[in-house]
Every structure is written in C-alpha cells, then in structure tokens.
C-alpha cells in the first residue's frame, strides 16, 4: 500500500519547535486543542495521532476527486493519521518515490543516480554525511544544494499528514502562519510517497 504524505517543516532547516512554546509537546497540545489532531493511536506512542475533526479547516483539498479519510484505524493503510518525527540532532533529508530527478547545480545535467546512496523513500538520512556524485561533471554535491521543488524535505523536525495524495491537499496560509509561531520560522509543505 502506498503511503502518501503531506509533510510540514520549517523553511529554516535548523528550526525545531521552540522551547518557549513548549517544544514538541506544546505544538502537539496546540494542534489537539484546535482539533487538527485527535487522540494518540497508542497511548505509549507520543508521535502518532488520529486526525482531528477540524483537520480540513487547515488543509484545502484540490483536484478532481480528492478524498481524506478521517478516523481510520491504524493498520496497513496509514491514511487518516498524523505523525511527528523526533527532533533530530542534525539536519535530515527525506524524499519519496515521487521525487523528481534533480539537476546538478554545477553543470545543470540530471543526476540520474542520486538515489543510489540513500536509504529507502520516506526514511530520514543525515544531509551532512550524504553527498551525491554528478554523473556528468563528477562533482560531489550536498543534498541541501539540490532542488526538489515540493517533493523532498530538509530539516530537523517534520509533521506528516498521511493519506494526502501529492498536490491534492494544500495547507491554508493561516495554519502555516500558526505553525510558524511554534517553529520560530515560516513553515512550508511538500509531498512524498513511499511504501
């Protein structure tokens, strides 16, 4: 089953939920109070929640027939769930099976072998340790210097809204602004798929 994700992260890759606003716990509490997320799927798991009843007040569905499942029981299909990454010590890179082939910033040619040294889609990897070798000019390129548009993420903290097909759910500006208050940086969004 494909795991479609809308991913929210700060535009400043170093930003994480601010201690002044309660850190990750404060962010989760605020999202629960606003019914963006509901109850924890498993009380022992602090990072996986059912979608809240007002999640669609924060995300606009677009496309010819977009659908979002709200109260889904966890299982093989993660649709209807919202999860949070841990706060990573180092900046991480996350991509999906839908991520397009980037172009080398030096020679502007496509880097067709860019996935070969990376973990599986939807798995975070340390951007400092991973460099990609251009197939054409043979320059070593950091993941943070490649352009993936809205199909890969770089950051230390991520919010995953499961069940949003790429480009069929767009977070409302007011919601992104509110998240930015908790992150200390403007928040952006992107889409990744995996299995």
N, C-alpha and C. Protein backbone atom coordinates (compact mmCIF):
# COMPACT_ATOMS: atom_id res chain seq x y z
N UNK A 1 0.84 -1.17 0.00
CA UNK A 1 0.00 0.00 0.00
C UNK A 1 0.89 1.25 0.00
N UNK A 2 0.54 2.22 -0.80
CA UNK A 2 1.31 3.45 -0.89
C UNK A 2 0.98 4.36 0.28
N UNK A 3 2.00 4.92 0.88
CA UNK A 3 1.86 5.89 1.96
C UNK A 3 2.06 7.27 1.35
N UNK A 4 0.96 7.99 1.13
CA UNK A 4 1.01 9.35 0.61
C UNK A 4 1.10 10.30 1.79
N UNK A 5 2.04 11.23 1.74
CA UNK A 5 2.23 12.15 2.87
C UNK A 5 2.32 13.60 2.42
N UNK A 6 1.61 14.43 3.14
CA UNK A 6 1.83 15.87 3.11
C UNK A 6 2.79 16.11 4.27
N UNK A 7 3.94 16.71 3.99
CA UNK A 7 4.94 16.93 5.03
C UNK A 7 5.07 18.43 5.30
N UNK A 8 5.03 18.78 6.57
CA UNK A 8 5.19 20.17 7.01
C UNK A 8 6.52 20.29 7.74
N UNK A 9 7.30 21.31 7.38
CA UNK A 9 8.58 21.54 8.04
C UNK A 9 8.95 23.02 7.93
N UNK A 10 9.86 23.45 8.75
CA UNK A 10 10.28 24.85 8.74
C UNK A 10 11.12 25.15 7.49
N UNK A 11 11.00 26.38 6.99
CA UNK A 11 11.83 26.78 5.85
C UNK A 11 13.30 26.88 6.25
N UNK A 12 13.57 27.19 7.50
CA UNK A 12 14.93 27.16 8.03
C UNK A 12 15.18 25.73 8.52
N UNK A 13 16.03 24.96 7.84
CA UNK A 13 16.22 23.56 8.20
C UNK A 13 16.66 23.31 9.64
N UNK A 14 17.24 24.31 10.29
CA UNK A 14 17.70 24.15 11.67
C UNK A 14 16.59 24.35 12.70
N UNK A 15 15.44 24.90 12.28
CA UNK A 15 14.36 25.22 13.22
C UNK A 15 13.66 23.97 13.72
N UNK A 16 13.35 23.99 15.01
CA UNK A 16 12.59 22.93 15.67
C UNK A 16 11.55 23.63 16.55
N UNK A 17 10.55 22.90 17.05
CA UNK A 17 9.58 23.55 17.93
C UNK A 17 10.26 24.28 19.09
N UNK A 18 9.86 25.52 19.29
CA UNK A 18 10.51 26.39 20.27
C UNK A 18 10.24 25.96 21.70
N UNK A 19 11.28 26.04 22.55
CA UNK A 19 11.11 25.75 23.97
C UNK A 19 10.12 26.72 24.60
N UNK A 20 10.10 27.98 24.12
CA UNK A 20 9.21 29.00 24.69
C UNK A 20 7.74 28.64 24.50
N UNK A 21 7.44 27.83 23.49
CA UNK A 21 6.05 27.44 23.23
C UNK A 21 5.79 25.99 23.67
N UNK A 22 6.71 25.42 24.43
CA UNK A 22 6.51 24.07 24.95
C UNK A 22 7.15 22.98 24.14
N UNK A 23 7.96 23.33 23.13
CA UNK A 23 8.63 22.32 22.31
C UNK A 23 7.62 21.47 21.54
N UNK A 24 7.96 20.23 21.30
CA UNK A 24 7.08 19.33 20.55
C UNK A 24 5.78 19.11 21.33
N UNK A 25 5.86 18.96 22.65
CA UNK A 25 4.66 18.74 23.46
C UNK A 25 3.70 19.92 23.36
N UNK A 26 4.26 21.14 23.38
CA UNK A 26 3.41 22.33 23.24
C UNK A 26 2.76 22.41 21.88
N UNK A 27 3.49 22.04 20.84
CA UNK A 27 2.93 22.02 19.49
C UNK A 27 1.82 20.98 19.38
N UNK A 28 2.06 19.79 19.89
CA UNK A 28 1.03 18.73 19.85
C UNK A 28 -0.20 19.16 20.63
N UNK A 29 -0.01 19.75 21.80
CA UNK A 29 -1.15 20.22 22.61
C UNK A 29 -1.96 21.27 21.85
N UNK A 30 -1.27 22.21 21.21
CA UNK A 30 -1.98 23.25 20.44
C UNK A 30 -2.75 22.64 19.27
N UNK A 31 -2.15 21.66 18.58
CA UNK A 31 -2.84 21.01 17.46
C UNK A 31 -4.03 20.20 17.95
N UNK A 32 -3.95 19.61 19.14
CA UNK A 32 -5.10 18.90 19.70
C UNK A 32 -6.20 19.88 20.12
N UNK A 33 -5.82 20.99 20.72
CA UNK A 33 -6.82 21.99 21.14
C UNK A 33 -7.57 22.56 19.95
N UNK A 34 -6.91 22.64 18.80
CA UNK A 34 -7.55 23.15 17.59
C UNK A 34 -8.15 22.04 16.73
N UNK A 35 -8.16 20.81 17.24
CA UNK A 35 -8.74 19.63 16.57
C UNK A 35 -8.11 19.32 15.22
N UNK A 36 -6.83 19.72 15.03
CA UNK A 36 -6.10 19.28 13.85
C UNK A 36 -5.73 17.81 14.02
N UNK A 37 -5.35 17.44 15.24
CA UNK A 37 -5.12 16.04 15.57
C UNK A 37 -6.06 15.64 16.69
N UNK A 38 -6.36 14.36 16.75
CA UNK A 38 -7.20 13.82 17.80
C UNK A 38 -6.35 13.10 18.84
N UNK A 39 -6.86 11.97 19.26
CA UNK A 39 -6.17 11.19 20.29
C UNK A 39 -4.99 10.43 19.71
N UNK A 40 -4.09 10.06 20.61
CA UNK A 40 -2.95 9.24 20.20
C UNK A 40 -3.46 7.87 19.78
N UNK A 41 -2.87 7.32 18.73
CA UNK A 41 -3.27 5.99 18.27
C UNK A 41 -2.98 4.96 19.35
N UNK A 42 -1.83 5.09 19.97
CA UNK A 42 -1.42 4.21 21.05
C UNK A 42 -0.88 5.13 22.15
N UNK A 43 -1.46 5.08 23.34
CA UNK A 43 -1.00 5.99 24.42
C UNK A 43 0.50 5.90 24.70
N UNK A 44 1.14 4.79 24.34
CA UNK A 44 2.58 4.65 24.57
C UNK A 44 3.39 5.33 23.47
N UNK A 45 2.73 5.70 22.36
CA UNK A 45 3.42 6.36 21.25
C UNK A 45 3.10 7.84 21.27
N UNK A 46 4.10 8.64 21.53
CA UNK A 46 3.89 10.09 21.66
C UNK A 46 3.85 10.80 20.31
N UNK A 47 4.05 10.08 19.20
CA UNK A 47 4.20 10.76 17.92
C UNK A 47 3.23 10.33 16.83
N UNK A 48 2.20 9.53 17.13
CA UNK A 48 1.24 9.07 16.13
C UNK A 48 -0.18 9.33 16.63
N UNK A 49 -0.94 10.11 15.83
CA UNK A 49 -2.26 10.54 16.25
C UNK A 49 -3.29 10.32 15.15
N UNK A 50 -4.54 10.15 15.58
CA UNK A 50 -5.65 10.17 14.63
C UNK A 50 -5.83 11.61 14.17
N UNK A 51 -6.34 11.79 12.98
CA UNK A 51 -6.66 13.14 12.50
C UNK A 51 -7.76 13.72 13.37
N UNK A 52 -7.71 15.02 13.56
CA UNK A 52 -8.76 15.70 14.31
C UNK A 52 -9.93 16.03 13.40
N UNK A 53 -11.07 16.33 14.01
CA UNK A 53 -12.29 16.59 13.24
C UNK A 53 -12.21 17.89 12.44
N UNK A 54 -11.29 18.77 12.78
CA UNK A 54 -11.16 20.05 12.06
C UNK A 54 -9.91 20.12 11.18
N UNK A 55 -9.31 18.97 10.87
CA UNK A 55 -8.10 18.98 10.05
C UNK A 55 -8.36 19.62 8.70
N UNK A 56 -9.55 19.44 8.16
CA UNK A 56 -9.85 20.00 6.84
C UNK A 56 -10.12 21.51 6.89
N UNK A 57 -10.17 22.09 8.09
CA UNK A 57 -10.22 23.55 8.22
C UNK A 57 -8.82 24.13 8.01
N UNK A 58 -7.80 23.26 8.03
CA UNK A 58 -6.41 23.69 7.90
C UNK A 58 -5.79 23.31 6.57
N UNK A 59 -6.41 22.35 5.88
CA UNK A 59 -5.89 21.85 4.61
C UNK A 59 -7.00 21.91 3.58
N UNK A 60 -6.73 22.55 2.47
CA UNK A 60 -7.71 22.65 1.39
C UNK A 60 -7.45 21.52 0.39
N UNK A 61 -8.47 20.70 0.13
CA UNK A 61 -8.33 19.63 -0.85
C UNK A 61 -8.62 20.18 -2.23
N UNK A 62 -7.78 19.84 -3.18
CA UNK A 62 -7.93 20.28 -4.56
C UNK A 62 -7.81 19.06 -5.47
N UNK A 63 -8.13 19.21 -6.73
CA UNK A 63 -8.06 18.09 -7.66
C UNK A 63 -9.44 17.68 -8.09
N UNK A 64 -9.53 16.65 -8.92
CA UNK A 64 -10.82 16.28 -9.49
C UNK A 64 -11.70 15.51 -8.52
N UNK A 65 -11.13 14.69 -7.65
CA UNK A 65 -11.96 13.98 -6.66
C UNK A 65 -11.14 13.64 -5.43
N UNK A 66 -10.64 14.65 -4.74
CA UNK A 66 -9.82 14.37 -3.56
C UNK A 66 -10.66 13.83 -2.41
N UNK A 67 -10.06 12.94 -1.65
CA UNK A 67 -10.73 12.33 -0.50
C UNK A 67 -9.72 12.27 0.64
N UNK A 68 -10.21 12.47 1.86
CA UNK A 68 -9.34 12.28 3.02
C UNK A 68 -10.13 11.50 4.07
N UNK A 69 -9.60 10.35 4.47
CA UNK A 69 -10.23 9.50 5.47
C UNK A 69 -9.90 10.05 6.85
N UNK A 70 -10.93 10.33 7.65
CA UNK A 70 -10.66 10.86 8.98
C UNK A 70 -10.33 9.77 10.00
N UNK A 71 -11.25 9.15 10.60
CA UNK A 71 -10.98 8.25 11.72
C UNK A 71 -10.68 6.84 11.24
N UNK A 72 -9.49 6.66 10.75
CA UNK A 72 -9.02 5.37 10.23
C UNK A 72 -8.33 4.61 11.35
N UNK A 73 -8.62 3.34 11.46
CA UNK A 73 -7.86 2.51 12.40
C UNK A 73 -6.49 2.22 11.81
N UNK A 74 -5.44 2.28 12.63
CA UNK A 74 -4.12 2.02 12.08
C UNK A 74 -4.02 0.58 11.59
N UNK A 75 -3.22 0.40 10.62
CA UNK A 75 -3.02 -0.92 10.03
C UNK A 75 -2.10 -0.76 8.86
N UNK A 76 -2.40 -1.46 7.79
CA UNK A 76 -1.56 -1.36 6.60
C UNK A 76 -1.70 -0.01 5.91
N UNK A 77 -2.86 0.62 6.02
CA UNK A 77 -3.12 1.91 5.37
C UNK A 77 -3.05 3.02 6.41
N UNK A 78 -2.02 3.89 6.34
CA UNK A 78 -1.88 4.93 7.36
C UNK A 78 -2.75 6.16 7.12
N UNK A 79 -3.62 6.15 6.09
CA UNK A 79 -4.46 7.32 5.81
C UNK A 79 -5.27 7.69 7.05
N UNK A 80 -5.42 8.97 7.26
CA UNK A 80 -6.19 9.46 8.40
C UNK A 80 -5.37 9.64 9.65
N UNK A 81 -4.06 9.50 9.55
CA UNK A 81 -3.19 9.65 10.70
C UNK A 81 -2.26 10.85 10.51
N UNK A 82 -1.82 11.40 11.61
CA UNK A 82 -0.82 12.47 11.62
C UNK A 82 0.30 12.00 12.53
N UNK A 83 1.53 12.07 12.05
CA UNK A 83 2.67 11.66 12.88
C UNK A 83 3.71 12.76 12.91
N UNK A 84 4.56 12.68 13.90
CA UNK A 84 5.62 13.66 14.13
C UNK A 84 6.95 12.94 14.17
N UNK A 85 7.95 13.54 13.53
CA UNK A 85 9.29 12.97 13.62
C UNK A 85 9.86 13.32 14.98
N UNK A 86 10.92 12.64 15.38
CA UNK A 86 11.65 13.13 16.54
C UNK A 86 12.36 14.44 16.15
N UNK A 87 12.85 15.16 17.11
CA UNK A 87 13.70 16.31 16.82
C UNK A 87 15.10 15.74 16.62
N UNK A 88 15.58 15.82 15.39
CA UNK A 88 16.89 15.26 15.06
C UNK A 88 18.01 16.21 15.49
N UNK A 89 19.15 15.66 15.85
CA UNK A 89 20.31 16.46 16.21
C UNK A 89 20.88 17.19 15.00
N UNK A 90 20.84 16.52 13.84
CA UNK A 90 21.38 17.08 12.61
C UNK A 90 20.27 17.23 11.58
N UNK A 91 20.50 18.07 10.60
CA UNK A 91 19.54 18.26 9.52
C UNK A 91 19.41 16.96 8.74
N UNK A 92 18.17 16.59 8.45
CA UNK A 92 17.85 15.34 7.75
C UNK A 92 17.25 15.63 6.38
N UNK A 93 17.32 14.63 5.51
CA UNK A 93 16.75 14.70 4.16
C UNK A 93 15.74 13.56 4.03
N UNK A 94 14.55 13.88 3.53
CA UNK A 94 13.51 12.88 3.29
C UNK A 94 13.02 13.06 1.87
N UNK A 95 12.94 11.97 1.13
CA UNK A 95 12.42 12.02 -0.23
C UNK A 95 11.38 10.91 -0.39
N UNK A 96 10.69 10.91 -1.52
CA UNK A 96 9.68 9.89 -1.78
C UNK A 96 9.89 9.25 -3.13
N UNK A 97 9.10 8.24 -3.41
CA UNK A 97 9.16 7.59 -4.72
C UNK A 97 8.74 8.56 -5.82
N UNK A 98 8.01 9.59 -5.45
CA UNK A 98 7.54 10.60 -6.41
C UNK A 98 8.56 11.72 -6.65
N UNK A 99 9.65 11.75 -5.89
CA UNK A 99 10.63 12.84 -6.02
C UNK A 99 11.28 12.79 -7.40
N UNK A 100 11.27 13.93 -8.06
CA UNK A 100 11.84 14.02 -9.40
C UNK A 100 13.36 14.02 -9.35
N UNK A 101 13.96 13.65 -10.45
CA UNK A 101 15.42 13.65 -10.56
C UNK A 101 15.93 15.09 -10.56
N UNK A 102 16.81 15.42 -9.62
CA UNK A 102 17.32 16.79 -9.56
C UNK A 102 18.41 17.03 -10.61
N UNK A 103 18.67 18.30 -10.85
CA UNK A 103 19.75 18.69 -11.77
C UNK A 103 20.95 19.15 -10.95
N UNK A 104 22.11 18.89 -11.46
CA UNK A 104 23.35 19.31 -10.82
C UNK A 104 23.41 20.84 -10.82
N UNK A 105 23.71 21.45 -9.67
CA UNK A 105 23.82 22.91 -9.64
C UNK A 105 25.05 23.44 -10.38
N UNK A 106 26.00 22.57 -10.67
CA UNK A 106 27.21 22.97 -11.38
C UNK A 106 27.04 22.91 -12.89
N UNK A 107 26.66 21.74 -13.42
CA UNK A 107 26.60 21.56 -14.87
C UNK A 107 25.17 21.57 -15.43
N UNK A 108 24.17 21.55 -14.54
CA UNK A 108 22.75 21.60 -14.92
C UNK A 108 22.23 20.34 -15.60
N UNK A 109 22.99 19.26 -15.54
CA UNK A 109 22.54 17.98 -16.11
C UNK A 109 21.80 17.19 -15.02
N UNK A 110 20.90 16.31 -15.43
CA UNK A 110 20.17 15.47 -14.48
C UNK A 110 21.12 14.49 -13.79
N UNK A 111 20.92 14.32 -12.49
CA UNK A 111 21.73 13.37 -11.72
C UNK A 111 20.89 12.10 -11.58
N UNK A 112 21.03 11.20 -12.53
CA UNK A 112 20.17 10.02 -12.58
C UNK A 112 20.46 8.99 -11.49
N UNK A 113 21.62 9.04 -10.89
CA UNK A 113 22.00 8.06 -9.87
C UNK A 113 21.83 8.59 -8.45
N UNK A 114 21.08 9.67 -8.27
CA UNK A 114 21.01 10.34 -6.97
C UNK A 114 20.46 9.46 -5.84
N UNK A 115 19.63 8.49 -6.13
CA UNK A 115 19.03 7.66 -5.07
C UNK A 115 19.94 6.51 -4.60
N UNK A 116 20.96 6.22 -5.33
CA UNK A 116 21.76 5.02 -5.07
C UNK A 116 22.41 4.97 -3.69
N UNK A 117 22.81 6.09 -3.16
CA UNK A 117 23.49 6.08 -1.87
C UNK A 117 22.57 6.46 -0.71
N UNK A 118 21.27 6.56 -0.98
CA UNK A 118 20.32 6.99 0.05
C UNK A 118 19.52 5.81 0.59
N UNK A 119 18.97 5.96 1.80
CA UNK A 119 18.08 4.92 2.31
C UNK A 119 16.78 4.91 1.51
N UNK A 120 15.89 4.04 1.87
CA UNK A 120 14.61 3.91 1.17
C UNK A 120 13.79 5.20 1.27
N UNK A 121 12.84 5.39 0.33
CA UNK A 121 11.97 6.56 0.41
C UNK A 121 11.28 6.66 1.78
N UNK A 122 11.04 7.87 2.21
CA UNK A 122 10.39 8.23 3.48
C UNK A 122 11.25 7.95 4.71
N UNK A 123 12.52 7.60 4.51
CA UNK A 123 13.44 7.39 5.62
C UNK A 123 14.37 8.60 5.72
N UNK A 124 14.49 9.15 6.91
CA UNK A 124 15.36 10.31 7.10
C UNK A 124 16.83 9.89 7.01
N UNK A 125 17.62 10.73 6.39
CA UNK A 125 19.07 10.49 6.36
C UNK A 125 19.79 11.81 6.63
N UNK A 126 20.94 11.70 7.23
CA UNK A 126 21.72 12.86 7.63
C UNK A 126 22.31 13.54 6.39
N UNK A 127 21.95 14.81 6.19
CA UNK A 127 22.42 15.52 5.00
C UNK A 127 23.90 15.84 5.04
N UNK A 128 24.48 15.94 6.22
CA UNK A 128 25.90 16.26 6.32
C UNK A 128 26.73 15.08 5.81
N UNK A 129 26.28 13.87 6.07
CA UNK A 129 27.04 12.68 5.68
C UNK A 129 26.81 12.25 4.24
N UNK A 130 25.72 12.66 3.63
CA UNK A 130 25.41 12.19 2.28
C UNK A 130 25.74 13.23 1.22
N UNK A 131 26.55 12.82 0.30
CA UNK A 131 26.88 13.63 -0.87
C UNK A 131 26.54 12.79 -2.09
N UNK A 132 26.13 13.46 -3.16
CA UNK A 132 25.77 12.80 -4.40
C UNK A 132 26.80 13.18 -5.45
N UNK A 133 27.27 12.20 -6.21
CA UNK A 133 28.24 12.47 -7.27
C UNK A 133 27.48 12.66 -8.58
N UNK A 134 27.72 13.78 -9.24
CA UNK A 134 27.08 14.05 -10.53
C UNK A 134 27.59 13.06 -11.57
N UNK A 135 26.68 12.51 -12.34
CA UNK A 135 27.03 11.55 -13.40
C UNK A 135 27.85 12.20 -14.50
N UNK A 136 27.74 13.52 -14.64
CA UNK A 136 28.33 14.21 -15.79
C UNK A 136 29.63 14.94 -15.45
N UNK A 137 29.57 15.86 -14.47
CA UNK A 137 30.77 16.65 -14.15
C UNK A 137 31.57 16.04 -13.00
N UNK A 138 31.02 15.02 -12.35
CA UNK A 138 31.65 14.28 -11.27
C UNK A 138 31.91 15.09 -10.00
N UNK A 139 31.22 16.21 -9.86
CA UNK A 139 31.31 17.00 -8.62
C UNK A 139 30.52 16.29 -7.53
N UNK A 140 30.98 16.40 -6.30
CA UNK A 140 30.25 15.89 -5.15
C UNK A 140 29.32 17.00 -4.66
N UNK A 141 28.05 16.69 -4.54
CA UNK A 141 27.04 17.70 -4.25
C UNK A 141 26.27 17.33 -2.99
N UNK A 142 26.12 18.29 -2.09
CA UNK A 142 25.33 18.06 -0.88
C UNK A 142 23.85 18.04 -1.20
N UNK A 143 23.11 17.20 -0.50
CA UNK A 143 21.66 17.10 -0.72
C UNK A 143 20.97 18.45 -0.52
N UNK A 144 21.49 19.26 0.39
CA UNK A 144 20.86 20.55 0.67
C UNK A 144 21.04 21.56 -0.46
N UNK A 145 21.86 21.27 -1.45
CA UNK A 145 22.03 22.21 -2.56
C UNK A 145 21.25 21.78 -3.81
N UNK A 146 20.52 20.68 -3.71
CA UNK A 146 19.70 20.22 -4.84
C UNK A 146 18.28 20.76 -4.71
N UNK A 147 17.63 20.97 -5.85
CA UNK A 147 16.26 21.49 -5.86
C UNK A 147 15.29 20.36 -6.20
N UNK A 148 14.35 20.14 -5.30
CA UNK A 148 13.36 19.08 -5.49
C UNK A 148 11.94 19.63 -5.58
N UNK A 149 11.83 20.93 -5.65
CA UNK A 149 10.52 21.60 -5.63
C UNK A 149 9.79 21.18 -4.37
N UNK A 150 8.63 20.62 -4.48
CA UNK A 150 7.86 20.22 -3.29
C UNK A 150 7.82 18.70 -3.15
N UNK A 151 8.96 18.03 -3.44
CA UNK A 151 8.96 16.57 -3.42
C UNK A 151 10.10 15.97 -2.61
N UNK A 152 10.74 16.76 -1.77
CA UNK A 152 11.74 16.28 -0.82
C UNK A 152 11.90 17.35 0.25
N UNK A 153 12.31 16.93 1.45
CA UNK A 153 12.38 17.85 2.58
C UNK A 153 13.74 17.80 3.25
N UNK A 154 14.14 18.95 3.78
CA UNK A 154 15.35 19.05 4.57
C UNK A 154 14.97 19.77 5.86
N UNK A 155 15.32 19.18 7.00
CA UNK A 155 15.00 19.81 8.27
C UNK A 155 15.39 18.93 9.44
N UNK A 156 15.10 19.43 10.64
CA UNK A 156 15.36 18.68 11.87
C UNK A 156 14.09 18.17 12.52
N UNK A 157 12.92 18.62 11.99
CA UNK A 157 11.63 18.20 12.56
C UNK A 157 10.58 18.25 11.46
N UNK A 158 9.73 17.22 11.43
CA UNK A 158 8.72 17.10 10.38
C UNK A 158 7.38 16.68 10.97
N UNK A 159 6.31 17.18 10.36
CA UNK A 159 4.95 16.73 10.66
C UNK A 159 4.44 16.04 9.40
N UNK A 160 3.94 14.81 9.56
CA UNK A 160 3.46 14.02 8.42
C UNK A 160 1.95 13.86 8.50
N UNK A 161 1.25 14.32 7.48
CA UNK A 161 -0.20 14.09 7.37
C UNK A 161 -0.36 12.96 6.36
N UNK A 162 -0.70 11.79 6.84
CA UNK A 162 -0.80 10.60 6.00
C UNK A 162 -2.13 10.59 5.25
N UNK A 163 -2.09 10.13 4.00
CA UNK A 163 -3.31 9.99 3.23
C UNK A 163 -3.61 11.15 2.30
N UNK A 164 -2.68 12.09 2.17
CA UNK A 164 -2.85 13.21 1.23
C UNK A 164 -2.02 12.90 -0.01
N UNK A 165 -2.70 12.67 -1.12
CA UNK A 165 -2.03 12.37 -2.38
C UNK A 165 -1.27 13.63 -2.85
N UNK A 166 -0.10 13.48 -3.48
CA UNK A 166 0.68 14.65 -3.89
C UNK A 166 -0.13 15.71 -4.65
N UNK A 167 -0.03 16.91 -4.16
CA UNK A 167 -0.62 18.11 -4.75
C UNK A 167 -2.14 18.16 -4.65
N UNK A 168 -2.76 17.27 -3.86
CA UNK A 168 -4.21 17.31 -3.70
C UNK A 168 -4.64 17.91 -2.37
N UNK A 169 -3.70 18.29 -1.52
CA UNK A 169 -4.03 18.96 -0.27
C UNK A 169 -3.04 20.09 -0.04
N UNK A 170 -3.56 21.30 0.14
CA UNK A 170 -2.70 22.47 0.32
C UNK A 170 -3.02 23.09 1.68
N UNK A 171 -2.03 23.20 2.56
CA UNK A 171 -2.28 23.83 3.86
C UNK A 171 -2.68 25.30 3.69
N UNK A 172 -3.63 25.72 4.49
CA UNK A 172 -4.07 27.12 4.47
C UNK A 172 -2.97 28.02 5.02
N UNK A 173 -2.87 29.23 4.48
CA UNK A 173 -1.84 30.17 4.91
C UNK A 173 -1.92 30.46 6.41
N UNK A 174 -3.13 30.64 6.93
CA UNK A 174 -3.29 30.94 8.36
C UNK A 174 -2.76 29.80 9.22
N UNK A 175 -2.96 28.57 8.78
CA UNK A 175 -2.47 27.40 9.50
C UNK A 175 -0.94 27.36 9.47
N UNK A 176 -0.35 27.62 8.30
CA UNK A 176 1.12 27.65 8.20
C UNK A 176 1.71 28.75 9.07
N UNK A 177 1.03 29.90 9.11
CA UNK A 177 1.50 31.01 9.96
C UNK A 177 1.47 30.60 11.43
N UNK A 178 0.40 29.92 11.83
CA UNK A 178 0.27 29.48 13.23
C UNK A 178 1.37 28.47 13.58
N UNK A 179 1.63 27.53 12.68
CA UNK A 179 2.72 26.57 12.91
C UNK A 179 4.06 27.29 13.01
N UNK A 180 4.24 28.32 12.19
CA UNK A 180 5.48 29.09 12.23
C UNK A 180 5.74 29.73 13.58
N UNK A 181 4.66 30.08 14.31
CA UNK A 181 4.83 30.64 15.65
C UNK A 181 5.43 29.62 16.61
N UNK A 182 5.13 28.37 16.40
CA UNK A 182 5.67 27.30 17.25
C UNK A 182 7.05 26.85 16.79
N UNK A 183 7.35 27.08 15.52
CA UNK A 183 8.63 26.63 14.96
C UNK A 183 9.71 27.71 14.97
N UNK A 184 9.31 28.97 15.14
CA UNK A 184 10.29 30.05 15.11
C UNK A 184 10.80 30.35 13.71
N UNK A 185 10.10 29.87 12.69
CA UNK A 185 10.48 30.05 11.30
C UNK A 185 9.23 29.81 10.46
N UNK A 186 9.12 30.46 9.31
CA UNK A 186 7.99 30.13 8.44
C UNK A 186 7.99 28.63 8.12
N UNK A 187 6.81 28.08 7.88
CA UNK A 187 6.66 26.65 7.61
C UNK A 187 6.25 26.46 6.16
N UNK A 188 6.82 25.44 5.54
CA UNK A 188 6.49 25.09 4.17
C UNK A 188 5.92 23.68 4.12
N UNK A 189 5.50 23.26 2.96
CA UNK A 189 4.91 21.93 2.82
C UNK A 189 5.41 21.27 1.55
N UNK A 190 5.34 19.96 1.51
CA UNK A 190 5.75 19.19 0.35
C UNK A 190 5.06 17.84 0.41
N UNK A 191 5.27 17.05 -0.63
CA UNK A 191 4.58 15.77 -0.76
C UNK A 191 5.58 14.66 -1.04
N UNK A 192 5.45 13.57 -0.31
CA UNK A 192 6.29 12.40 -0.56
C UNK A 192 5.44 11.13 -0.49
N UNK A 193 5.82 10.18 -1.32
CA UNK A 193 5.16 8.88 -1.33
C UNK A 193 6.18 7.79 -1.04
N UNK A 194 5.70 6.70 -0.50
CA UNK A 194 6.54 5.55 -0.25
C UNK A 194 5.68 4.34 0.04
N UNK A 195 6.31 3.29 0.43
CA UNK A 195 5.57 2.05 0.75
C UNK A 195 5.80 1.67 2.18
